[in-house]
Structures are given as C-alpha cells and as structure tokens.
Amino acid sequence: MLRYTIIVFLLLSIVGCRPEVFTPKPRGYYKIDLPQKHEYQEFKAEGFPYSFEHPIYSKVVNDTVFFGEETENPYWIVVDYDTTGGKLYFSYKEITPSQQLDKLVEDSYGMTYTVHSSRADMIEDFVFHFPERKVHGIFYKVDGNAATAYQFFATDSTKHFVRGALYFNVKPNADSLMPVNNFLREDIMRMIKTLEWH
C-alpha cells in the first residue's frame, strides 16, 4: 500500500509540475466614482468682473501661478474637481487699447491649435452667442491624447475676456479620461451658459 501511495504521489508531482501557459492581462484603469447627477452653485465673488455657476462637487480657488511665475491678476481662478483630479483654469483679461480683442482671440486660438495639434487627433470648434448677457465665444473640443480635452474663450467684445482650459494631473490618455471628460463637458457648458459680466 505504501508503494502505491508513493507511486501515485510521484505521478501527481510530475503531472502537476508541467509549465503553465502564461497569458498577460490587459492593463486596467482606476475606477473613478463620478457624482450621480449634476448640481450647481453660483460663484459670485466680491469685486470680480464675472460670475457663473459651477458644480457643488468642485471648489473655486485663486490661481496665482502662470507658467511657474507669480501673477498679479486677482481674477484668475481654478475650478478644482478634487474627486477626478481635473482642474479648469480660468483666466481673465480686460480689453484695452494695449490688449485688443483681436490679439486675445488670436492668442486663445494659438493656445488651442498650435500647442495641442501635434498630439490631437482632431480639434473641433463651436461658436456660441448669448446676446441677452453679451457673452460670445468659441468652445474647443480636442480629441486624442492631447493635454486638454476642452478649452474655450468668452467675451462681451468691448471690455471682458475670459479663457478656460481643462487639465488633469496625469499623463494624457484619451481612453481612460473619456468618462470623466464626457461628464465634465456638461459642467463646462453650464459655466459658459450662466456666465455674466459685472
């Protein structure tokens, strides 16, 4: 009986030790828990030349750094989405004889097309007009592995000019960021549709 047990054990050891076929698993992405619905609150700070509605799951903070340097512009802000890691950078400039509208529009166009066209699969622009609030501008949708998926500028054509750009603190990957970008697009459009000058 002992011999049979040893023989069975040896046979199982030989059969059980054959090399396994290894199949690599595809790389996965972290699951991002998005809010169940879009809800908004008003951003209207004292002395600011503009106001708008932003999501309750974001916070508005002052943006004091521009390309690594401190700025003097108190009206630059960041709409920070803590849960997704996204930040919508919101810059404001007053239209003056030295800062004319044509130059501001050209700079905004350049920031979208020149900077991101090498990584983008496609860039679409959508013109918007809200004459009752004197808000006019262009919304840019950037497809592909560019650093940003959405940018826009809005102006009243005489005094106010704002520019917005959505960035994430991760290496750009259109596939993994698509659910978040799709969700935040509605929020950005709400900001544009509720933008008012003061």
N, C-alpha and C. Protein backbone atom coordinates (compact mmCIF):
# COMPACT_ATOMS: atom_id res chain seq x y z
N MET A 1 0.82 -1.20 0.00
CA MET A 1 0.00 0.00 0.00
C MET A 1 0.86 1.25 0.00
N LEU A 2 1.95 1.21 0.76
CA LEU A 2 2.87 2.34 0.83
C LEU A 2 3.49 2.61 -0.54
N ARG A 3 3.81 1.49 -1.28
CA ARG A 3 4.41 1.65 -2.60
C ARG A 3 3.44 2.36 -3.56
N TYR A 4 2.19 1.94 -3.53
CA TYR A 4 1.19 2.56 -4.41
C TYR A 4 1.00 4.05 -4.08
N THR A 5 1.03 4.36 -2.82
CA THR A 5 0.89 5.76 -2.40
C THR A 5 2.05 6.59 -2.91
N ILE A 6 3.27 6.05 -2.80
CA ILE A 6 4.47 6.77 -3.27
C ILE A 6 4.42 6.94 -4.78
N ILE A 7 4.01 5.87 -5.51
CA ILE A 7 3.95 5.95 -6.97
C ILE A 7 2.90 6.99 -7.41
N VAL A 8 1.72 6.99 -6.78
CA VAL A 8 0.69 7.96 -7.11
C VAL A 8 1.17 9.38 -6.80
N PHE A 9 1.83 9.57 -5.67
CA PHE A 9 2.36 10.89 -5.30
C PHE A 9 3.38 11.38 -6.32
N LEU A 10 4.31 10.47 -6.78
CA LEU A 10 5.32 10.84 -7.78
C LEU A 10 4.66 11.19 -9.12
N LEU A 11 3.66 10.41 -9.52
CA LEU A 11 2.97 10.70 -10.78
C LEU A 11 2.25 12.06 -10.72
N LEU A 12 1.58 12.32 -9.61
CA LEU A 12 0.90 13.61 -9.46
C LEU A 12 1.90 14.76 -9.44
N SER A 13 3.07 14.56 -8.84
CA SER A 13 4.11 15.60 -8.81
C SER A 13 4.60 15.90 -10.21
N ILE A 14 4.80 14.86 -11.01
CA ILE A 14 5.30 15.06 -12.38
C ILE A 14 4.25 15.77 -13.23
N VAL A 15 3.00 15.30 -13.13
CA VAL A 15 1.92 15.91 -13.92
C VAL A 15 1.65 17.33 -13.44
N GLY A 16 1.71 17.56 -12.13
CA GLY A 16 1.41 18.88 -11.57
C GLY A 16 2.51 19.90 -11.78
N CYS A 17 3.70 19.48 -12.18
CA CYS A 17 4.83 20.41 -12.32
C CYS A 17 5.11 20.80 -13.75
N ARG A 18 4.22 20.49 -14.65
CA ARG A 18 4.46 20.89 -16.03
C ARG A 18 4.32 22.41 -16.15
N PRO A 19 5.02 23.05 -17.07
CA PRO A 19 4.97 24.52 -17.17
C PRO A 19 3.58 25.00 -17.59
N GLU A 20 3.15 26.06 -16.95
CA GLU A 20 1.87 26.68 -17.26
C GLU A 20 2.03 27.63 -18.45
N VAL A 21 0.98 27.82 -19.19
CA VAL A 21 0.97 28.80 -20.27
C VAL A 21 0.57 30.13 -19.65
N PHE A 22 1.45 31.15 -19.78
CA PHE A 22 1.20 32.45 -19.17
C PHE A 22 0.47 33.35 -20.15
N THR A 23 -0.63 33.94 -19.72
CA THR A 23 -1.38 34.87 -20.53
C THR A 23 -1.40 36.23 -19.82
N PRO A 24 -0.74 37.23 -20.40
CA PRO A 24 -0.74 38.54 -19.73
C PRO A 24 -2.13 39.16 -19.75
N LYS A 25 -2.45 39.84 -18.67
CA LYS A 25 -3.73 40.52 -18.57
C LYS A 25 -3.59 41.95 -19.08
N PRO A 26 -4.61 42.45 -19.74
CA PRO A 26 -4.52 43.84 -20.23
C PRO A 26 -4.47 44.81 -19.07
N ARG A 27 -3.81 45.94 -19.30
CA ARG A 27 -3.71 46.97 -18.27
C ARG A 27 -5.09 47.58 -18.04
N GLY A 28 -5.42 47.75 -16.80
CA GLY A 28 -6.70 48.35 -16.45
C GLY A 28 -6.52 49.78 -15.97
N TYR A 29 -7.62 50.47 -15.79
CA TYR A 29 -7.60 51.85 -15.31
C TYR A 29 -8.37 51.93 -13.99
N TYR A 30 -8.00 52.88 -13.18
CA TYR A 30 -8.69 53.07 -11.92
C TYR A 30 -10.14 53.47 -12.17
N LYS A 31 -11.00 52.96 -11.34
CA LYS A 31 -12.40 53.34 -11.44
C LYS A 31 -12.58 54.70 -10.79
N ILE A 32 -13.23 55.59 -11.49
CA ILE A 32 -13.48 56.93 -10.96
C ILE A 32 -14.96 57.03 -10.64
N ASP A 33 -15.26 57.29 -9.39
CA ASP A 33 -16.65 57.44 -8.98
C ASP A 33 -17.13 58.86 -9.28
N LEU A 34 -17.93 58.98 -10.31
CA LEU A 34 -18.47 60.28 -10.68
C LEU A 34 -19.75 60.54 -9.90
N PRO A 35 -20.06 61.80 -9.66
CA PRO A 35 -21.32 62.11 -8.97
C PRO A 35 -22.53 61.55 -9.72
N GLN A 36 -23.58 61.26 -8.98
CA GLN A 36 -24.78 60.68 -9.58
C GLN A 36 -25.49 61.66 -10.52
N LYS A 37 -25.44 62.96 -10.17
CA LYS A 37 -26.10 63.96 -11.02
C LYS A 37 -25.35 65.28 -10.93
N HIS A 38 -25.62 66.12 -11.89
CA HIS A 38 -25.01 67.45 -11.95
C HIS A 38 -25.82 68.41 -11.08
N GLU A 39 -25.16 69.03 -10.11
CA GLU A 39 -25.80 70.05 -9.28
C GLU A 39 -24.86 71.25 -9.21
N TYR A 40 -25.43 72.46 -9.14
CA TYR A 40 -24.62 73.65 -9.29
C TYR A 40 -24.86 74.67 -8.18
N GLN A 41 -23.86 75.53 -8.03
CA GLN A 41 -23.93 76.67 -7.11
C GLN A 41 -23.29 77.86 -7.81
N GLU A 42 -23.62 79.05 -7.35
CA GLU A 42 -23.11 80.25 -8.01
C GLU A 42 -21.76 80.67 -7.45
N PHE A 43 -20.86 81.01 -8.37
CA PHE A 43 -19.61 81.67 -7.98
C PHE A 43 -19.80 83.15 -8.28
N LYS A 44 -19.85 83.94 -7.23
CA LYS A 44 -20.01 85.38 -7.39
C LYS A 44 -19.22 86.03 -6.26
N ALA A 45 -17.94 86.30 -6.52
CA ALA A 45 -17.06 86.86 -5.50
C ALA A 45 -17.07 88.39 -5.59
N GLU A 46 -16.95 89.03 -4.45
CA GLU A 46 -16.98 90.49 -4.39
C GLU A 46 -15.84 91.09 -5.20
N GLY A 47 -16.20 92.03 -6.05
CA GLY A 47 -15.20 92.72 -6.86
C GLY A 47 -14.84 92.02 -8.16
N PHE A 48 -15.26 90.77 -8.35
CA PHE A 48 -14.93 90.05 -9.58
C PHE A 48 -15.76 90.59 -10.74
N PRO A 49 -15.15 90.67 -11.94
CA PRO A 49 -15.87 91.21 -13.10
C PRO A 49 -16.77 90.18 -13.78
N TYR A 50 -16.87 88.98 -13.22
CA TYR A 50 -17.71 87.94 -13.82
C TYR A 50 -18.24 87.02 -12.73
N SER A 51 -19.30 86.28 -13.07
CA SER A 51 -19.86 85.25 -12.19
C SER A 51 -20.38 84.12 -13.07
N PHE A 52 -20.56 82.94 -12.48
CA PHE A 52 -21.08 81.80 -13.22
C PHE A 52 -21.48 80.72 -12.21
N GLU A 53 -22.13 79.68 -12.70
CA GLU A 53 -22.47 78.54 -11.87
C GLU A 53 -21.46 77.43 -12.10
N HIS A 54 -21.05 76.79 -10.99
CA HIS A 54 -20.11 75.68 -11.07
C HIS A 54 -20.65 74.53 -10.23
N PRO A 55 -20.14 73.30 -10.44
CA PRO A 55 -20.68 72.14 -9.73
C PRO A 55 -20.43 72.21 -8.22
N ILE A 56 -21.35 71.63 -7.46
CA ILE A 56 -21.18 71.61 -6.00
C ILE A 56 -20.05 70.67 -5.59
N TYR A 57 -19.64 69.78 -6.48
CA TYR A 57 -18.54 68.86 -6.18
C TYR A 57 -17.19 69.42 -6.65
N SER A 58 -17.14 70.72 -6.85
CA SER A 58 -15.88 71.41 -7.18
C SER A 58 -15.71 72.58 -6.23
N LYS A 59 -14.50 73.09 -6.16
CA LYS A 59 -14.27 74.30 -5.37
C LYS A 59 -13.49 75.29 -6.23
N VAL A 60 -13.74 76.57 -5.99
CA VAL A 60 -13.07 77.63 -6.74
C VAL A 60 -11.97 78.21 -5.86
N VAL A 61 -10.74 78.23 -6.39
CA VAL A 61 -9.59 78.78 -5.66
C VAL A 61 -8.87 79.77 -6.56
N ASN A 62 -8.17 80.71 -5.95
CA ASN A 62 -7.40 81.68 -6.72
C ASN A 62 -6.22 80.99 -7.41
N ASP A 63 -5.94 81.41 -8.63
CA ASP A 63 -4.80 80.89 -9.39
C ASP A 63 -3.73 81.97 -9.39
N THR A 64 -2.67 81.75 -8.65
CA THR A 64 -1.63 82.78 -8.52
C THR A 64 -0.38 82.46 -9.32
N VAL A 65 -0.34 81.31 -10.00
CA VAL A 65 0.86 80.91 -10.73
C VAL A 65 0.53 80.73 -12.20
N PHE A 66 1.36 81.32 -13.07
CA PHE A 66 1.19 81.19 -14.51
C PHE A 66 2.55 80.83 -15.10
N PHE A 67 2.65 79.62 -15.64
CA PHE A 67 3.91 79.10 -16.17
C PHE A 67 5.04 79.22 -15.15
N GLY A 68 4.73 78.90 -13.90
CA GLY A 68 5.76 78.87 -12.86
C GLY A 68 6.07 80.22 -12.23
N GLU A 69 5.42 81.27 -12.69
CA GLU A 69 5.68 82.60 -12.15
C GLU A 69 4.44 83.15 -11.47
N GLU A 70 4.65 83.92 -10.41
CA GLU A 70 3.53 84.55 -9.70
C GLU A 70 2.86 85.58 -10.61
N THR A 71 1.55 85.66 -10.54
CA THR A 71 0.82 86.64 -11.34
C THR A 71 0.22 87.70 -10.42
N GLU A 72 -0.05 88.82 -11.00
CA GLU A 72 -0.66 89.94 -10.28
C GLU A 72 -2.16 89.99 -10.52
N ASN A 73 -2.69 89.07 -11.31
CA ASN A 73 -4.09 89.14 -11.70
C ASN A 73 -4.97 88.47 -10.65
N PRO A 74 -5.76 89.23 -9.92
CA PRO A 74 -6.58 88.65 -8.86
C PRO A 74 -7.82 87.92 -9.37
N TYR A 75 -8.10 88.03 -10.68
CA TYR A 75 -9.32 87.44 -11.21
C TYR A 75 -9.07 86.11 -11.93
N TRP A 76 -7.87 85.55 -11.79
CA TRP A 76 -7.58 84.24 -12.34
C TRP A 76 -7.93 83.21 -11.27
N ILE A 77 -8.70 82.20 -11.66
CA ILE A 77 -9.14 81.19 -10.70
C ILE A 77 -8.96 79.79 -11.29
N VAL A 78 -9.10 78.80 -10.41
CA VAL A 78 -9.11 77.40 -10.81
C VAL A 78 -10.37 76.77 -10.24
N VAL A 79 -11.14 76.12 -11.09
CA VAL A 79 -12.27 75.31 -10.62
C VAL A 79 -11.70 73.90 -10.45
N ASP A 80 -11.55 73.50 -9.19
CA ASP A 80 -10.84 72.28 -8.84
C ASP A 80 -11.82 71.14 -8.58
N TYR A 81 -11.70 70.07 -9.37
CA TYR A 81 -12.51 68.87 -9.18
C TYR A 81 -11.67 67.86 -8.39
N ASP A 82 -11.77 67.89 -7.07
CA ASP A 82 -10.95 67.02 -6.22
C ASP A 82 -11.11 65.54 -6.56
N THR A 83 -12.32 65.09 -6.77
CA THR A 83 -12.57 63.66 -6.93
C THR A 83 -12.02 63.10 -8.23
N THR A 84 -11.88 63.91 -9.27
CA THR A 84 -11.40 63.42 -10.55
C THR A 84 -9.97 63.86 -10.87
N GLY A 85 -9.45 64.79 -10.12
CA GLY A 85 -8.10 65.30 -10.41
C GLY A 85 -8.08 66.33 -11.51
N GLY A 86 -9.23 66.74 -12.00
CA GLY A 86 -9.30 67.74 -13.06
C GLY A 86 -9.29 69.16 -12.50
N LYS A 87 -8.73 70.07 -13.29
CA LYS A 87 -8.72 71.48 -12.92
C LYS A 87 -9.05 72.30 -14.17
N LEU A 88 -10.04 73.18 -14.01
CA LEU A 88 -10.40 74.10 -15.09
C LEU A 88 -9.76 75.44 -14.76
N TYR A 89 -8.74 75.80 -15.54
CA TYR A 89 -8.03 77.07 -15.33
C TYR A 89 -8.80 78.17 -16.04
N PHE A 90 -9.11 79.22 -15.30
CA PHE A 90 -10.00 80.28 -15.76
C PHE A 90 -9.21 81.59 -15.67
N SER A 91 -8.82 82.16 -16.80
CA SER A 91 -8.06 83.41 -16.78
C SER A 91 -8.91 84.55 -17.32
N TYR A 92 -8.69 85.73 -16.78
CA TYR A 92 -9.47 86.91 -17.16
C TYR A 92 -8.53 88.03 -17.60
N LYS A 93 -8.91 88.70 -18.67
CA LYS A 93 -8.18 89.88 -19.12
C LYS A 93 -9.18 90.96 -19.51
N GLU A 94 -8.83 92.18 -19.18
CA GLU A 94 -9.66 93.31 -19.59
C GLU A 94 -9.21 93.78 -20.96
N ILE A 95 -10.15 94.02 -21.84
CA ILE A 95 -9.83 94.50 -23.18
C ILE A 95 -9.48 95.98 -23.08
N THR A 96 -8.29 96.32 -23.55
CA THR A 96 -7.79 97.69 -23.51
C THR A 96 -7.13 98.00 -24.85
N PRO A 97 -6.74 99.27 -25.09
CA PRO A 97 -6.02 99.56 -26.34
C PRO A 97 -4.72 98.76 -26.48
N SER A 98 -4.06 98.45 -25.37
CA SER A 98 -2.82 97.67 -25.45
C SER A 98 -3.10 96.16 -25.49
N GLN A 99 -4.29 95.74 -25.05
CA GLN A 99 -4.69 94.33 -25.06
C GLN A 99 -5.99 94.23 -25.84
N GLN A 100 -5.87 94.33 -27.16
CA GLN A 100 -7.05 94.38 -28.00
C GLN A 100 -7.68 93.00 -28.17
N LEU A 101 -8.98 93.02 -28.48
CA LEU A 101 -9.74 91.78 -28.61
C LEU A 101 -9.13 90.85 -29.67
N ASP A 102 -8.74 91.39 -30.81
CA ASP A 102 -8.18 90.55 -31.88
C ASP A 102 -6.97 89.76 -31.39
N LYS A 103 -6.11 90.41 -30.62
CA LYS A 103 -4.90 89.75 -30.10
C LYS A 103 -5.27 88.67 -29.08
N LEU A 104 -6.24 88.94 -28.21
CA LEU A 104 -6.66 87.96 -27.22
C LEU A 104 -7.27 86.73 -27.88
N VAL A 105 -8.10 86.95 -28.91
CA VAL A 105 -8.70 85.83 -29.65
C VAL A 105 -7.62 85.03 -30.37
N GLU A 106 -6.67 85.73 -30.99
CA GLU A 106 -5.59 85.06 -31.69
C GLU A 106 -4.73 84.23 -30.72
N ASP A 107 -4.45 84.77 -29.54
CA ASP A 107 -3.68 84.03 -28.53
C ASP A 107 -4.43 82.78 -28.08
N SER A 108 -5.74 82.91 -27.89
CA SER A 108 -6.55 81.77 -27.47
C SER A 108 -6.56 80.68 -28.55
N TYR A 109 -6.70 81.10 -29.79
CA TYR A 109 -6.65 80.16 -30.91
C TYR A 109 -5.30 79.45 -30.94
N GLY A 110 -4.23 80.20 -30.77
CA GLY A 110 -2.89 79.63 -30.78
C GLY A 110 -2.67 78.64 -29.65
N MET A 111 -3.20 78.97 -28.45
CA MET A 111 -3.05 78.07 -27.31
C MET A 111 -3.75 76.74 -27.57
N THR A 112 -4.80 76.77 -28.36
CA THR A 112 -5.52 75.53 -28.65
C THR A 112 -4.90 74.78 -29.82
N TYR A 113 -4.76 75.45 -30.96
CA TYR A 113 -4.33 74.75 -32.17
C TYR A 113 -2.83 74.54 -32.23
N THR A 114 -2.04 75.55 -31.97
CA THR A 114 -0.59 75.42 -32.10
C THR A 114 -0.02 74.49 -31.04
N VAL A 115 -0.45 74.65 -29.82
CA VAL A 115 0.12 73.87 -28.72
C VAL A 115 -0.34 72.42 -28.76
N HIS A 116 -1.60 72.15 -29.11
CA HIS A 116 -2.14 70.80 -28.96
C HIS A 116 -2.32 70.03 -30.26
N SER A 117 -2.13 70.65 -31.41
CA SER A 117 -2.41 69.97 -32.67
C SER A 117 -1.46 68.80 -32.93
N SER A 118 -0.25 68.81 -32.38
CA SER A 118 0.68 67.71 -32.62
C SER A 118 0.23 66.41 -31.94
N ARG A 119 -0.52 66.50 -30.84
CA ARG A 119 -0.99 65.31 -30.11
C ARG A 119 -2.47 65.02 -30.34
N ALA A 120 -3.18 65.98 -30.87
CA ALA A 120 -4.63 65.81 -31.04
C ALA A 120 -4.94 65.05 -32.32
N ASP A 121 -5.99 64.21 -32.25
CA ASP A 121 -6.47 63.54 -33.45
C ASP A 121 -7.33 64.50 -34.27
N MET A 122 -8.07 65.35 -33.56
CA MET A 122 -8.96 66.31 -34.22
C MET A 122 -9.31 67.41 -33.24
N ILE A 123 -9.47 68.62 -33.74
CA ILE A 123 -9.92 69.74 -32.92
C ILE A 123 -11.16 70.33 -33.59
N GLU A 124 -12.25 70.36 -32.83
CA GLU A 124 -13.50 70.95 -33.33
C GLU A 124 -13.78 72.22 -32.55
N ASP A 125 -14.30 73.22 -33.24
CA ASP A 125 -14.70 74.44 -32.52
C ASP A 125 -16.18 74.72 -32.74
N PHE A 126 -16.81 75.22 -31.69
CA PHE A 126 -18.23 75.52 -31.70
C PHE A 126 -18.43 76.95 -31.23
N VAL A 127 -19.02 77.77 -32.08
CA VAL A 127 -19.28 79.17 -31.75
C VAL A 127 -20.55 79.26 -30.90
N PHE A 128 -20.51 80.10 -29.86
CA PHE A 128 -21.71 80.31 -29.05
C PHE A 128 -21.98 81.80 -28.89
N HIS A 129 -23.26 82.16 -28.79
CA HIS A 129 -23.72 83.54 -28.60
C HIS A 129 -24.87 83.54 -27.61
N PHE A 130 -24.77 84.38 -26.60
CA PHE A 130 -25.86 84.63 -25.67
C PHE A 130 -26.03 86.15 -25.60
N PRO A 131 -26.70 86.73 -26.60
CA PRO A 131 -26.77 88.19 -26.71
C PRO A 131 -27.42 88.88 -25.52
N GLU A 132 -28.35 88.19 -24.84
CA GLU A 132 -29.02 88.81 -23.69
C GLU A 132 -28.04 89.09 -22.55
N ARG A 133 -26.95 88.32 -22.48
CA ARG A 133 -25.93 88.53 -21.45
C ARG A 133 -24.62 89.07 -22.04
N LYS A 134 -24.61 89.34 -23.33
CA LYS A 134 -23.42 89.81 -24.04
C LYS A 134 -22.24 88.85 -23.84
N VAL A 135 -22.51 87.58 -24.04
CA VAL A 135 -21.49 86.54 -23.93
C VAL A 135 -21.37 85.86 -25.29
N HIS A 136 -20.18 85.95 -25.89
CA HIS A 136 -19.90 85.37 -27.20
C HIS A 136 -18.55 84.68 -27.12
N GLY A 137 -18.37 83.62 -27.89
CA GLY A 137 -17.07 82.97 -27.87
C GLY A 137 -17.03 81.68 -28.65
N ILE A 138 -15.98 80.89 -28.38
CA ILE A 138 -15.77 79.61 -29.06
C ILE A 138 -15.40 78.56 -28.02
N PHE A 139 -16.02 77.39 -28.15
CA PHE A 139 -15.71 76.22 -27.33
C PHE A 139 -14.93 75.25 -28.21
N TYR A 140 -13.77 74.78 -27.73
CA TYR A 140 -12.92 73.86 -28.48
C TYR A 140 -12.97 72.48 -27.84
N LYS A 141 -13.21 71.46 -28.67
CA LYS A 141 -13.16 70.06 -28.24
C LYS A 141 -11.93 69.44 -28.90
N VAL A 142 -11.00 68.97 -28.06
CA VAL A 142 -9.73 68.42 -28.54
C VAL A 142 -9.75 66.91 -28.33
N ASP A 143 -9.79 66.13 -29.42
CA ASP A 143 -9.80 64.67 -29.34
C ASP A 143 -8.38 64.13 -29.42
N GLY A 144 -8.16 62.98 -28.77
CA GLY A 144 -6.85 62.33 -28.79
C GLY A 144 -6.12 62.50 -27.48
N ASN A 145 -4.83 62.19 -27.49
CA ASN A 145 -4.01 62.22 -26.28
C ASN A 145 -3.36 63.58 -26.05
N ALA A 146 -4.10 64.63 -26.29
CA ALA A 146 -3.60 65.98 -26.02
C ALA A 146 -3.73 66.27 -24.52
N ALA A 147 -3.03 67.29 -24.06
CA ALA A 147 -3.02 67.62 -22.63
C ALA A 147 -4.37 68.10 -22.12
N THR A 148 -5.22 68.58 -23.01
CA THR A 148 -6.53 69.09 -22.62
C THR A 148 -7.59 68.59 -23.59
N ALA A 149 -8.79 68.36 -23.08
CA ALA A 149 -9.88 67.93 -23.96
C ALA A 149 -10.79 69.09 -24.33
N TYR A 150 -10.87 70.10 -23.43
CA TYR A 150 -11.77 71.22 -23.66
C TYR A 150 -11.10 72.54 -23.33
N GLN A 151 -11.32 73.51 -24.21
CA GLN A 151 -10.89 74.89 -23.97
C GLN A 151 -11.98 75.79 -24.52
N PHE A 152 -12.00 77.02 -24.03
CA PHE A 152 -12.97 77.98 -24.55
C PHE A 152 -12.50 79.39 -24.24
N PHE A 153 -13.08 80.34 -24.96
CA PHE A 153 -12.97 81.73 -24.55
C PHE A 153 -14.33 82.37 -24.70
N ALA A 154 -14.58 83.38 -23.87
CA ALA A 154 -15.85 84.12 -23.91
C ALA A 154 -15.55 85.60 -23.71
N THR A 155 -16.33 86.44 -24.36
CA THR A 155 -16.10 87.88 -24.29
C THR A 155 -17.40 88.64 -24.52
N ASP A 156 -17.41 89.90 -24.08
CA ASP A 156 -18.52 90.79 -24.44
C ASP A 156 -18.13 91.68 -25.61
N SER A 157 -16.91 91.51 -26.11
CA SER A 157 -16.35 92.22 -27.28
C SER A 157 -15.90 93.64 -27.00
N THR A 158 -16.15 94.17 -25.81
CA THR A 158 -15.76 95.55 -25.53
C THR A 158 -14.86 95.70 -24.30
N LYS A 159 -15.10 94.90 -23.24
CA LYS A 159 -14.35 95.08 -22.00
C LYS A 159 -13.80 93.79 -21.40
N HIS A 160 -14.57 92.72 -21.44
CA HIS A 160 -14.22 91.49 -20.71
C HIS A 160 -13.80 90.36 -21.65
N PHE A 161 -12.83 89.57 -21.18
CA PHE A 161 -12.37 88.39 -21.94
C PHE A 161 -11.93 87.33 -20.93
N VAL A 162 -12.53 86.14 -21.01
CA VAL A 162 -12.11 85.03 -20.16
C VAL A 162 -11.74 83.84 -21.05
N ARG A 163 -10.81 83.06 -20.54
CA ARG A 163 -10.38 81.85 -21.24
C ARG A 163 -10.36 80.72 -20.24
N GLY A 164 -10.86 79.54 -20.65
CA GLY A 164 -10.87 78.37 -19.78
C GLY A 164 -10.21 77.19 -20.45
N ALA A 165 -9.52 76.35 -19.65
CA ALA A 165 -8.88 75.15 -20.17
C ALA A 165 -8.88 74.08 -19.10
N LEU A 166 -9.33 72.88 -19.46
CA LEU A 166 -9.42 71.76 -18.53
C LEU A 166 -8.17 70.89 -18.64
N TYR A 167 -7.52 70.65 -17.51
CA TYR A 167 -6.33 69.80 -17.47
C TYR A 167 -6.46 68.79 -16.33
N PHE A 168 -5.75 67.66 -16.47
CA PHE A 168 -5.66 66.66 -15.42
C PHE A 168 -4.20 66.47 -15.05
N ASN A 169 -3.95 66.13 -13.81
CA ASN A 169 -2.59 65.94 -13.33
C ASN A 169 -2.13 64.50 -13.58
N VAL A 170 -2.32 64.02 -14.81
CA VAL A 170 -1.90 62.68 -15.22
C VAL A 170 -1.41 62.75 -16.66
N LYS A 171 -0.71 61.69 -17.08
CA LYS A 171 -0.30 61.61 -18.48
C LYS A 171 -1.55 61.48 -19.34
N PRO A 172 -1.69 62.28 -20.40
CA PRO A 172 -2.91 62.24 -21.21
C PRO A 172 -3.15 60.87 -21.83
N ASN A 173 -4.34 60.35 -21.64
CA ASN A 173 -4.77 59.10 -22.26
C ASN A 173 -6.26 59.24 -22.53
N ALA A 174 -6.59 59.43 -23.78
CA ALA A 174 -7.98 59.73 -24.16
C ALA A 174 -8.94 58.64 -23.72
N ASP A 175 -8.53 57.38 -23.79
CA ASP A 175 -9.43 56.29 -23.44
C ASP A 175 -9.78 56.29 -21.95
N SER A 176 -8.77 56.44 -21.10
CA SER A 176 -9.03 56.37 -19.66
C SER A 176 -9.74 57.62 -19.15
N LEU A 177 -9.51 58.77 -19.79
CA LEU A 177 -10.13 60.01 -19.34
C LEU A 177 -11.50 60.28 -19.98
N MET A 178 -11.88 59.46 -20.95
CA MET A 178 -13.12 59.73 -21.68
C MET A 178 -14.36 59.83 -20.78
N PRO A 179 -14.57 58.91 -19.81
CA PRO A 179 -15.77 59.05 -18.98
C PRO A 179 -15.79 60.36 -18.19
N VAL A 180 -14.63 60.76 -17.68
CA VAL A 180 -14.55 62.00 -16.90
C VAL A 180 -14.74 63.20 -17.81
N ASN A 181 -14.07 63.21 -18.95
CA ASN A 181 -14.23 64.33 -19.89
C ASN A 181 -15.68 64.48 -20.34
N ASN A 182 -16.33 63.36 -20.64
CA ASN A 182 -17.74 63.42 -21.06
C ASN A 182 -18.61 63.99 -19.95
N PHE A 183 -18.33 63.61 -18.71
CA PHE A 183 -19.12 64.11 -17.59
C PHE A 183 -18.88 65.60 -17.36
N LEU A 184 -17.61 66.03 -17.42
CA LEU A 184 -17.28 67.42 -17.12
C LEU A 184 -17.66 68.37 -18.25
N ARG A 185 -17.87 67.86 -19.45
CA ARG A 185 -18.27 68.74 -20.55
C ARG A 185 -19.58 69.45 -20.21
N GLU A 186 -20.52 68.73 -19.62
CA GLU A 186 -21.80 69.34 -19.26
C GLU A 186 -21.59 70.47 -18.23
N ASP A 187 -20.66 70.26 -17.30
CA ASP A 187 -20.37 71.28 -16.29
C ASP A 187 -19.76 72.53 -16.91
N ILE A 188 -18.84 72.32 -17.85
CA ILE A 188 -18.19 73.46 -18.50
C ILE A 188 -19.22 74.24 -19.32
N MET A 189 -20.09 73.53 -20.02
CA MET A 189 -21.12 74.21 -20.79
C MET A 189 -22.06 74.99 -19.88
N ARG A 190 -22.34 74.47 -18.69
CA ARG A 190 -23.19 75.19 -17.73
C ARG A 190 -22.50 76.49 -17.29
N MET A 191 -21.18 76.44 -17.07
CA MET A 191 -20.45 77.66 -16.70
C MET A 191 -20.56 78.71 -17.79
N ILE A 192 -20.41 78.27 -19.03
CA ILE A 192 -20.50 79.21 -20.15
C ILE A 192 -21.91 79.78 -20.26
N LYS A 193 -22.92 78.93 -20.13
CA LYS A 193 -24.30 79.37 -20.30
C LYS A 193 -24.78 80.27 -19.17
N THR A 194 -24.10 80.23 -18.02
CA THR A 194 -24.51 81.07 -16.89
C THR A 194 -23.53 82.21 -16.63
N LEU A 195 -22.53 82.37 -17.50
CA LEU A 195 -21.53 83.43 -17.34
C LEU A 195 -22.19 84.80 -17.48
N GLU A 196 -21.88 85.68 -16.51
CA GLU A 196 -22.37 87.05 -16.55
C GLU A 196 -21.24 88.01 -16.21
N TRP A 197 -21.29 89.21 -16.81
CA TRP A 197 -20.28 90.24 -16.56
C TRP A 197 -20.77 91.20 -15.48
N HIS A 198 -19.84 91.76 -14.73
CA HIS A 198 -20.20 92.73 -13.67
C HIS A 198 -19.29 93.97 -13.77
